[in-house]
Amino acid sequence: MAKTSTELFNKALNLLGVVGAGQTASAEDTTIARDALQPLLSELALAEVAYIPVDPVDLLSEDIPDEYFNGLAILLANDIGPNFGIPQVSEVERQTMMNRMRRVSARGPQGFVQEALYY
């Protein structure tokens, strides 16, 4: 079942220790996460890791597929961590996280058998 942006923000803030388990984020914390989400999604699409179209206004629409949810929460937590005094991981570790997301979303070959006539 797809997840909402609000669930993503709560998960990322929970990973940072800003929000406790079962609690919801404050409006200020949600704004920080929401502002960081679109640039992250653009980066993932540009790097061909994942294309996740999320509605920036409707935070309750279920736009985030399950297979991307945890990886996206980790990357979002990394991006907003400095706002809460938590340093970001190195670029190598960030690329490793993105590669994990790429592998999760990778599908098998999509080829089809094509019949040909030889003369």
Protein backbone atom coordinates (compact mmCIF):
# COMPACT_ATOMS: atom_id res chain seq x y z
CA MET A 1 0.00 0.00 0.00
CA ALA A 2 1.43 3.37 -0.98
CA LYS A 3 2.43 5.84 1.71
CA THR A 4 1.66 9.53 2.16
CA SER A 5 4.10 12.42 2.32
CA THR A 6 3.10 12.97 5.94
CA GLU A 7 4.12 9.40 6.79
CA LEU A 8 7.42 9.99 4.98
CA PHE A 9 8.11 13.18 6.95
CA ASN A 10 7.30 11.46 10.25
CA LYS A 11 9.58 8.51 9.36
CA ALA A 12 12.49 10.78 8.38
CA LEU A 13 12.11 12.89 11.52
CA ASN A 14 11.84 9.72 13.61
CA LEU A 15 15.12 8.46 12.11
CA LEU A 16 16.72 11.72 13.24
CA GLY A 17 15.26 11.40 16.74
CA VAL A 18 13.28 14.62 16.38
CA VAL A 19 9.91 12.86 16.66
CA GLY A 20 9.23 9.93 18.94
CA ALA A 21 7.57 6.71 17.81
CA GLY A 22 3.87 7.23 17.20
CA GLN A 23 4.10 11.00 17.44
CA THR A 24 3.48 13.44 14.64
CA ALA A 25 5.86 16.17 13.59
CA SER A 26 5.30 19.83 14.38
CA ALA A 27 4.30 22.21 11.59
CA GLU A 28 7.80 23.73 11.51
CA ASP A 29 9.49 20.34 11.20
CA THR A 30 7.04 19.27 8.49
CA THR A 31 7.78 22.47 6.55
CA ILE A 32 11.52 21.75 6.67
CA ALA A 33 10.94 18.21 5.37
CA ARG A 34 8.45 19.34 2.71
CA ASP A 35 10.86 21.97 1.39
CA ALA A 36 13.63 19.34 1.08
CA LEU A 37 11.46 16.68 -0.58
CA GLN A 38 11.01 18.19 -4.05
CA PRO A 39 14.76 18.81 -4.64
CA LEU A 40 15.45 15.24 -3.48
CA LEU A 41 12.83 13.80 -5.83
CA SER A 42 14.26 15.88 -8.69
CA GLU A 43 17.74 14.54 -7.94
CA LEU A 44 16.48 10.94 -7.89
CA ALA A 45 14.70 11.42 -11.21
CA LEU A 46 17.73 13.10 -12.79
CA ALA A 47 20.03 10.29 -11.60
CA GLU A 48 17.49 7.78 -12.94
CA VAL A 49 17.12 6.17 -9.53
CA ALA A 50 13.37 6.64 -9.26
CA TYR A 51 10.63 8.85 -10.59
CA ILE A 52 8.12 9.50 -7.82
CA PRO A 53 5.54 12.17 -8.65
CA VAL A 54 4.45 13.58 -5.29
CA ASP A 55 1.82 16.28 -4.95
CA PRO A 56 3.52 19.05 -2.91
CA VAL A 57 0.19 20.44 -1.73
CA ASP A 58 -1.79 17.33 -0.78
CA LEU A 59 0.29 15.71 1.94
CA LEU A 60 -2.28 12.97 2.51
CA SER A 61 -2.36 11.57 -1.03
CA GLU A 62 -0.78 8.14 -1.23
CA ASP A 63 1.93 8.83 -3.80
CA ILE A 64 5.00 7.02 -2.46
CA PRO A 65 5.31 3.32 -3.41
CA ASP A 66 6.29 0.94 -0.63
CA GLU A 67 9.50 -0.18 -2.35
CA TYR A 68 10.86 3.39 -2.24
CA PHE A 69 9.54 4.46 1.15
CA ASN A 70 12.39 3.43 3.49
CA GLY A 71 15.19 4.51 1.16
CA LEU A 72 13.49 7.82 0.52
CA ALA A 73 13.02 8.37 4.26
CA ILE A 74 16.73 7.74 4.89
CA LEU A 75 17.79 10.12 2.11
CA LEU A 76 15.34 12.78 3.29
CA ALA A 77 16.56 12.42 6.88
CA ASN A 78 20.12 12.86 5.63
CA ASP A 79 19.18 16.02 3.72
CA ILE A 80 17.33 17.69 6.60
CA GLY A 81 19.68 16.50 9.35
CA PRO A 82 21.79 19.69 9.43
CA ASN A 83 18.64 21.67 10.33
CA PHE A 84 18.56 19.66 13.56
CA GLY A 85 22.29 19.63 14.26
CA ILE A 86 22.95 16.22 12.70
CA PRO A 87 25.70 16.08 10.05
CA GLN A 88 25.09 14.58 6.63
CA VAL A 89 26.75 11.37 5.51
CA SER A 90 29.56 11.47 2.96
CA GLU A 91 28.79 11.61 -0.76
CA VAL A 92 30.00 8.01 -1.13
CA GLU A 93 27.52 6.79 1.49
CA ARG A 94 24.76 8.86 -0.13
CA GLN A 95 25.48 7.25 -3.52
CA THR A 96 25.39 3.84 -1.85
CA MET A 97 21.91 4.61 -0.50
CA MET A 98 20.78 5.75 -3.94
CA ASN A 99 22.18 2.57 -5.52
CA ARG A 100 20.20 0.49 -3.02
CA MET A 101 17.04 2.29 -4.08
CA ARG A 102 17.96 1.71 -7.73
CA ARG A 103 18.36 -2.05 -7.10
CA VAL A 104 15.05 -2.26 -5.25
CA SER A 105 13.22 -0.64 -8.12
CA ALA A 106 15.02 -2.55 -10.86
CA ARG A 107 12.78 -4.86 -12.77
CA GLY A 108 13.67 -7.88 -14.80
CA PRO A 109 14.24 -7.65 -18.52
CA GLN A 110 11.31 -6.18 -20.39
CA GLY A 111 12.15 -7.67 -23.78
CA PHE A 112 9.68 -9.41 -26.01
CA VAL A 113 10.28 -12.12 -28.56
CA GLN A 114 9.94 -10.73 -32.05
CA GLU A 115 9.29 -12.97 -34.98
CA ALA A 116 11.07 -12.11 -38.20
CA LEU A 117 10.68 -13.29 -41.76
CA TYR A 118 13.89 -14.14 -43.57
CA TYR A 119 14.06 -13.98 -47.35
